[in-house]
């Protein structure tokens, strides 16, 4: 069971102080977070790709590479790479470079993207949303499988027996499929024999059990051993000294950011403290509390879904850097040992 951090490198105004963090400062903070996560024994750190003013993570591989030379064991991944609007050759090259710098700790988490700002920015039509991902995933997997590539598609120029360099230290370079909860994504990942990450940011995590079953069934039908495949989840949360402190610290930024996204997507109601507190319940999707409570929720998630990796997305919106660092420290030094000890017993 691996435990780690995911982030979108938020740069929204602090809802309590009104302070605005620059993109440059947020990037430097991220490097400090990765170094600390490595020091306290966390297993993985992931950065999501976005191209909007309230996130600084346009180039996850660059930020991860900045921390790679300063860390020893933590795995470094995108969370996610919006593959549909990127070029698979450049994606592979960026992450194989990261793999070389980190000596075999890089991963790619590929997704279609729940935000769509990258499509017009890079000249892609949303009319091709699904087929772009299918085609580019096919090319990415062909590149990681062979130094010389011959490939032809519809939305990208063909490649005729050309080499792609540098090659990754890991063979193959890990590629995960990221899913917001669609059956199509689960089946695709299973058929390809690729590990999968489910983003669980609402409702009850146990409701994803049918998708896990679909994923394993598709893998088995395609000739893959489902017991050898990795399953991860990504959820919002925060670890504090006490559950009350964690909730009070995490709520303001979460409310501010969720209401921004809610207005963009027409959810029709404001995110309030009642919604937040309900999601903090033992069966809810928010992992907010003291170390013992967060560990209890992760253990329950493991029992319900059989996950092998858990990402805690600590800052939804902007939070003080010192609070984020303390939460990372608590996750590594107190939550992770409880989870690992319990799983070793069971």
Protein backbone atom coordinates (compact mmCIF):
# COMPACT_ATOMS: atom_id res chain seq x y z
CA UNK A 1 0.00 0.00 0.00
CA UNK A 2 1.57 3.27 -1.16
CA UNK A 3 0.54 6.63 0.30
CA UNK A 4 1.32 9.98 -1.28
CA UNK A 5 0.36 13.51 -2.20
CA UNK A 6 -1.32 15.04 -5.24
CA UNK A 7 -1.69 18.72 -6.06
CA UNK A 8 -2.71 21.11 -8.84
CA UNK A 9 -0.36 23.82 -7.49
CA UNK A 10 -3.21 26.13 -6.58
CA UNK A 11 -2.64 29.90 -6.68
CA UNK A 12 -6.03 31.26 -5.65
CA UNK A 13 -6.14 34.13 -3.12
CA UNK A 14 -6.02 32.90 0.46
CA UNK A 15 -9.68 33.10 1.57
CA UNK A 16 -8.70 34.05 5.13
CA UNK A 17 -5.91 36.59 4.63
CA UNK A 18 -6.59 37.66 1.05
CA UNK A 19 -2.92 37.09 0.25
CA UNK A 20 -2.18 36.16 -3.36
CA UNK A 21 0.64 33.72 -4.03
CA UNK A 22 2.57 34.06 -7.27
CA UNK A 23 3.00 31.17 -9.65
CA UNK A 24 6.75 31.32 -9.07
CA UNK A 25 6.40 31.04 -5.29
CA UNK A 26 3.92 28.17 -5.59
CA UNK A 27 6.36 26.28 -7.78
CA UNK A 28 9.14 26.76 -5.25
CA UNK A 29 6.81 25.65 -2.46
CA UNK A 30 6.03 22.49 -4.40
CA UNK A 31 9.70 21.52 -4.54
CA UNK A 32 9.90 21.94 -0.76
CA UNK A 33 6.80 19.76 -0.35
CA UNK A 34 8.30 16.98 -2.48
CA UNK A 35 11.56 17.03 -0.53
CA UNK A 36 9.67 16.85 2.77
CA UNK A 37 7.39 14.06 1.50
CA UNK A 38 10.49 12.06 0.62
CA UNK A 39 12.06 12.71 4.02
CA UNK A 40 8.99 11.57 5.99
CA UNK A 41 8.66 8.33 4.02
CA UNK A 42 5.78 9.01 1.65
CA UNK A 43 5.79 6.94 -1.52
CA UNK A 44 4.64 9.23 -4.33
CA UNK A 45 4.02 12.86 -5.23
CA UNK A 46 1.85 13.86 -8.19
CA UNK A 47 1.24 17.18 -9.96
CA UNK A 48 -1.79 17.79 -12.15
CA UNK A 49 -1.51 19.63 -15.47
CA UNK A 50 -3.69 22.73 -15.86
CA UNK A 51 -3.51 25.86 -17.99
CA UNK A 52 -5.44 28.48 -16.06
CA UNK A 53 -4.63 31.40 -13.76
CA UNK A 54 -5.55 29.64 -10.52
CA UNK A 55 -3.09 26.75 -11.01
CA UNK A 56 0.68 26.84 -11.60
CA UNK A 57 1.11 23.24 -12.79
CA UNK A 58 1.35 23.64 -16.57
CA UNK A 59 4.56 21.55 -16.73
CA UNK A 60 4.52 18.80 -14.08
CA UNK A 61 7.65 17.07 -15.38
CA UNK A 62 9.71 20.26 -14.99
CA UNK A 63 8.65 20.78 -11.36
CA UNK A 64 9.17 17.11 -10.53
CA UNK A 65 12.62 17.19 -12.14
CA UNK A 66 13.57 20.15 -9.95
CA UNK A 67 12.91 17.95 -6.91
CA UNK A 68 14.25 14.71 -8.39
CA UNK A 69 17.89 15.53 -7.71
CA UNK A 70 17.03 16.51 -4.12
CA UNK A 71 15.15 13.31 -3.25
CA UNK A 72 16.08 9.66 -2.91
CA UNK A 73 13.11 7.30 -3.06
CA UNK A 74 9.78 9.07 -3.62
CA UNK A 75 8.10 8.32 -6.95
CA UNK A 76 7.29 11.33 -9.13
CA UNK A 77 4.21 11.42 -11.36
CA UNK A 78 1.87 13.66 -13.26
CA UNK A 79 -1.65 13.73 -11.84
CA UNK A 80 -2.71 14.02 -14.63
CA UNK A 81 -1.09 14.64 -18.01
CA UNK A 82 -3.87 15.82 -20.35
CA UNK A 83 -2.74 13.51 -23.12
CA UNK A 84 -5.53 14.46 -25.54
CA UNK A 85 -4.12 17.96 -26.05
CA UNK A 86 -0.43 17.08 -25.81
CA UNK A 87 2.00 15.30 -28.10
CA UNK A 88 2.85 11.75 -26.98
CA UNK A 89 6.43 12.04 -28.25
CA UNK A 90 7.08 15.10 -26.09
CA UNK A 91 5.27 13.54 -23.12
CA UNK A 92 7.44 10.45 -23.30
CA UNK A 93 10.61 12.51 -23.73
CA UNK A 94 9.77 14.75 -20.75
CA UNK A 95 9.07 11.86 -18.43
CA UNK A 96 11.91 9.66 -19.64
CA UNK A 97 14.17 12.64 -18.93
CA UNK A 98 12.64 12.85 -15.45
CA UNK A 99 13.17 9.10 -15.12
CA UNK A 100 16.85 9.52 -15.89
CA UNK A 101 17.33 12.40 -13.44
CA UNK A 102 15.51 10.50 -10.68
CA UNK A 103 17.14 7.16 -11.58
CA UNK A 104 13.91 5.33 -12.30
CA UNK A 105 11.21 7.06 -10.23
CA UNK A 106 9.08 8.74 -12.91
CA UNK A 107 5.52 7.86 -13.86
CA UNK A 108 2.89 9.21 -16.25
CA UNK A 109 -0.75 9.42 -15.24
CA UNK A 110 -2.65 9.95 -18.49
CA UNK A 111 -6.17 11.35 -18.64
CA UNK A 112 -8.60 13.15 -20.87
CA UNK A 113 -8.87 16.08 -18.45
CA UNK A 114 -11.85 17.27 -16.42
CA UNK A 115 -10.91 20.87 -17.32
CA UNK A 116 -10.89 21.73 -21.01
CA UNK A 117 -8.80 24.91 -21.24
CA UNK A 118 -5.88 23.08 -22.88
CA UNK A 119 -7.91 22.11 -25.96
CA UNK A 120 -8.37 25.60 -27.47
CA UNK A 121 -4.94 26.65 -26.18
CA UNK A 122 -3.21 23.98 -28.25
CA UNK A 123 -5.63 24.02 -31.16
CA UNK A 124 -7.74 20.91 -30.57
CA UNK A 125 -11.48 20.56 -30.98
CA UNK A 126 -13.64 19.21 -28.18
CA UNK A 127 -15.60 17.42 -30.90
CA UNK A 128 -12.70 14.94 -30.94
CA UNK A 129 -12.41 14.68 -27.14
CA UNK A 130 -12.59 10.88 -26.91
CA UNK A 131 -10.86 9.89 -30.11
CA UNK A 132 -7.91 12.20 -29.40
CA UNK A 133 -7.24 10.36 -26.16
CA UNK A 134 -7.57 6.91 -27.71
CA UNK A 135 -5.21 7.74 -30.55
CA UNK A 136 -2.59 9.47 -28.44
CA UNK A 137 -2.60 6.77 -25.79
CA UNK A 138 -1.97 4.22 -28.52
CA UNK A 139 1.04 6.23 -29.71
CA UNK A 140 2.41 6.78 -26.20
CA UNK A 141 2.30 3.05 -25.49
CA UNK A 142 3.99 2.32 -28.83
CA UNK A 143 6.79 4.76 -27.98
CA UNK A 144 7.45 3.26 -24.57
CA UNK A 145 7.47 -0.25 -26.06
CA UNK A 146 10.00 0.40 -28.82
CA UNK A 147 12.94 2.73 -29.48
CA UNK A 148 12.01 2.99 -33.17
CA UNK A 149 8.39 3.80 -33.88
CA UNK A 150 6.22 3.42 -36.95
CA UNK A 151 2.71 4.75 -36.40
CA UNK A 152 -0.15 6.36 -38.29
CA UNK A 153 -3.25 8.07 -36.93
CA UNK A 154 -5.82 10.73 -37.79
CA UNK A 155 -5.08 13.70 -35.53
CA UNK A 156 -1.27 13.66 -35.49
CA UNK A 157 1.28 13.35 -38.33
CA UNK A 158 2.51 9.82 -38.94
CA UNK A 159 5.89 8.52 -37.71
CA UNK A 160 7.92 6.27 -39.99
CA UNK A 161 10.60 4.23 -38.24
CA UNK A 162 11.94 7.11 -36.15
CA UNK A 163 13.67 6.86 -32.79
CA UNK A 164 12.40 8.59 -29.65
CA UNK A 165 14.99 9.56 -27.03
CA UNK A 166 16.09 9.49 -24.28
CA UNK A 167 14.86 6.05 -23.30
CA UNK A 168 13.59 5.62 -19.78
CA UNK A 169 15.54 3.92 -17.00
CA UNK A 170 12.46 1.87 -16.17
CA UNK A 171 11.36 -0.62 -18.77
CA UNK A 172 8.61 0.06 -19.37
CA UNK A 173 8.05 3.58 -18.08
CA UNK A 174 4.91 3.31 -15.90
CA UNK A 175 1.76 4.70 -17.50
CA UNK A 176 -1.42 4.92 -15.43
CA UNK A 177 -4.92 5.68 -16.67
CA UNK A 178 -6.74 8.37 -14.69
CA UNK A 179 -10.52 8.15 -14.42
CA UNK A 180 -13.16 10.40 -12.96
CA UNK A 181 -15.42 7.40 -12.61
CA UNK A 182 -16.49 6.34 -16.09
CA UNK A 183 -17.02 2.69 -16.96
CA UNK A 184 -15.36 3.30 -20.33
CA UNK A 185 -12.10 4.37 -18.67
CA UNK A 186 -12.11 1.40 -16.31
CA UNK A 187 -12.67 -1.07 -19.14
CA UNK A 188 -10.02 0.58 -21.34
CA UNK A 189 -7.40 0.41 -18.60
CA UNK A 190 -8.25 -3.20 -17.82
CA UNK A 191 -8.07 -4.30 -21.44
CA UNK A 192 -4.66 -2.64 -21.82
CA UNK A 193 -3.38 -4.09 -18.56
CA UNK A 194 -2.54 -0.61 -17.25
CA UNK A 195 -2.83 0.54 -13.62
CA UNK A 196 -5.74 2.88 -12.90
CA UNK A 197 -6.38 5.90 -10.66
CA UNK A 198 -9.92 6.86 -9.66
CA UNK A 199 -10.59 10.45 -8.62
CA UNK A 200 -13.07 10.20 -5.74
CA UNK A 201 -14.02 13.73 -4.69
CA UNK A 202 -17.70 13.29 -3.86
CA UNK A 203 -20.27 10.77 -2.73
CA UNK A 204 -19.22 7.55 -1.03
CA UNK A 205 -15.91 5.94 -2.08
CA UNK A 206 -17.43 2.48 -1.71
CA UNK A 207 -19.68 3.25 -4.68
CA UNK A 208 -16.61 2.83 -6.92
CA UNK A 209 -16.52 -0.91 -6.17
CA UNK A 210 -18.48 -1.80 -9.36
CA UNK A 211 -15.93 0.14 -11.43
CA UNK A 212 -13.08 -1.76 -9.78
CA UNK A 213 -14.91 -5.00 -10.64
CA UNK A 214 -15.35 -3.85 -14.26
CA UNK A 215 -11.66 -3.00 -14.46
CA UNK A 216 -10.58 -6.41 -13.17
CA UNK A 217 -13.07 -8.26 -15.38
CA UNK A 218 -11.84 -6.43 -18.49
CA UNK A 219 -8.23 -7.19 -17.54
CA UNK A 220 -8.96 -10.87 -17.06
CA UNK A 221 -10.80 -11.13 -20.38
CA UNK A 222 -7.80 -9.53 -22.12
CA UNK A 223 -5.44 -12.07 -20.59
CA UNK A 224 -3.98 -9.92 -17.80
CA UNK A 225 -3.69 -11.07 -14.20
CA UNK A 226 -5.87 -8.63 -12.22
CA UNK A 227 -3.99 -9.46 -9.02
CA UNK A 228 -0.85 -7.95 -10.53
CA UNK A 229 -2.49 -4.65 -11.50
CA UNK A 230 -2.33 -1.53 -9.32
CA UNK A 231 -5.38 0.50 -8.32
CA UNK A 232 -5.10 3.98 -6.83
CA UNK A 233 -7.51 6.64 -5.63
CA UNK A 234 -7.17 10.42 -5.37
CA UNK A 235 -9.22 12.32 -2.80
CA UNK A 236 -9.22 15.73 -1.14
CA UNK A 237 -8.15 15.90 2.47
CA UNK A 238 -6.01 17.34 5.22
CA UNK A 239 -4.33 15.97 8.33
CA UNK A 240 -4.22 18.10 11.47
CA UNK A 241 -3.25 17.72 15.09
CA UNK A 242 -6.95 17.28 15.90
CA UNK A 243 -9.94 16.60 13.71
CA UNK A 244 -11.50 19.94 14.60
CA UNK A 245 -8.32 21.83 13.73
CA UNK A 246 -7.99 19.98 10.42
CA UNK A 247 -11.58 20.79 9.45
CA UNK A 248 -11.31 24.45 10.40
CA UNK A 249 -8.05 24.89 8.48
CA UNK A 250 -9.16 23.02 5.36
CA UNK A 251 -12.71 24.34 4.95
CA UNK A 252 -12.16 27.98 3.85
CA UNK A 253 -9.92 27.24 0.86
CA UNK A 254 -11.98 24.20 -0.10
CA UNK A 255 -15.20 26.21 -0.03
CA UNK A 256 -13.69 29.03 -2.08
CA UNK A 257 -12.30 26.75 -4.79
CA UNK A 258 -15.31 24.43 -4.98
CA UNK A 259 -17.61 27.42 -5.43
CA UNK A 260 -15.45 28.74 -8.27
CA UNK A 261 -15.63 25.37 -10.02
CA UNK A 262 -19.32 25.06 -9.17
CA UNK A 263 -20.12 28.37 -10.88
CA UNK A 264 -18.11 27.34 -13.94
CA UNK A 265 -19.94 24.03 -14.22
CA UNK A 266 -23.41 25.19 -13.23
CA UNK A 267 -23.79 23.05 -10.12
CA UNK A 268 -26.46 25.47 -8.93
CA UNK A 269 -25.68 25.62 -5.21
CA UNK A 270 -22.96 26.94 -2.97
CA UNK A 271 -20.57 24.63 -1.20
CA UNK A 272 -21.18 25.15 2.52
CA UNK A 273 -19.97 23.88 5.88
CA UNK A 274 -22.81 21.36 6.09
CA UNK A 275 -21.79 19.76 2.78
CA UNK A 276 -18.17 19.76 3.91
CA UNK A 277 -18.88 18.20 7.31
CA UNK A 278 -21.06 15.49 5.77
CA UNK A 279 -18.24 14.54 3.41
CA UNK A 280 -15.86 14.21 6.39
CA UNK A 281 -17.93 11.34 7.79
CA UNK A 282 -16.36 7.88 7.89
CA UNK A 283 -17.99 6.87 4.59
CA UNK A 284 -17.54 10.24 2.88
CA UNK A 285 -15.02 11.31 0.25
CA UNK A 286 -13.13 13.92 2.31
CA UNK A 287 -10.13 12.62 4.27
CA UNK A 288 -9.99 15.38 6.87
CA UNK A 289 -9.08 14.80 10.49
CA UNK A 290 -6.42 13.82 12.96
CA UNK A 291 -3.90 11.12 11.96
CA UNK A 292 -5.88 8.26 13.53
CA UNK A 293 -9.12 9.24 11.81
CA UNK A 294 -7.55 9.72 8.38
CA UNK A 295 -5.76 6.39 8.75
CA UNK A 296 -9.05 4.73 9.67
CA UNK A 297 -10.67 6.08 6.52
CA UNK A 298 -7.79 4.93 4.30
CA UNK A 299 -7.94 1.44 5.81
CA UNK A 300 -11.70 1.33 5.13
CA UNK A 301 -11.06 2.41 1.54
CA UNK A 302 -8.54 -0.39 1.15
CA UNK A 303 -11.08 -2.92 2.45
CA UNK A 304 -13.85 -1.66 0.17
CA UNK A 305 -11.89 -1.18 -3.06
CA UNK A 306 -8.66 -3.15 -2.66
CA UNK A 307 -6.52 -0.15 -3.59
CA UNK A 308 -2.73 -0.37 -3.68
CA UNK A 309 -2.05 3.40 -3.65
CA UNK A 310 -3.75 6.41 -2.05
CA UNK A 311 -3.24 10.06 -3.06
CA UNK A 312 -4.25 12.78 -0.61
CA UNK A 313 -4.90 16.08 -2.39
CA UNK A 314 -4.03 18.38 0.47
CA UNK A 315 -4.63 21.92 -0.69
CA UNK A 316 -7.89 22.55 -2.54
CA UNK A 317 -7.39 26.24 -3.18
CA UNK A 318 -4.57 28.13 -1.51
CA UNK A 319 -3.55 27.29 2.06
CA UNK A 320 -0.59 28.62 4.07
CA UNK A 321 2.56 26.77 3.06
CA UNK A 322 3.45 25.98 6.69
CA UNK A 323 0.09 24.26 7.20
CA UNK A 324 0.50 22.19 4.04
CA UNK A 325 3.99 21.16 5.13
CA UNK A 326 2.76 20.13 8.58
CA UNK A 327 -0.03 18.06 7.03
CA UNK A 328 2.48 16.29 4.78
CA UNK A 329 4.65 15.60 7.81
CA UNK A 330 1.71 14.12 9.74
CA UNK A 331 0.66 12.01 6.76
CA UNK A 332 4.14 10.51 6.49
CA UNK A 333 5.08 10.12 10.15
CA UNK A 334 1.75 9.23 11.75
CA UNK A 335 -0.93 8.25 9.21
CA UNK A 336 1.17 6.02 6.94
CA UNK A 337 2.65 3.93 9.81
CA UNK A 338 -0.84 3.22 11.21
CA UNK A 339 -2.10 2.12 7.79
CA UNK A 340 0.94 -0.04 7.06
CA UNK A 341 0.83 -1.70 10.47
CA UNK A 342 -2.85 -2.52 10.15
CA UNK A 343 -2.43 -3.93 6.64
CA UNK A 344 0.54 -6.01 7.76
CA UNK A 345 -1.62 -7.53 10.50
CA UNK A 346 -4.52 -8.28 8.20
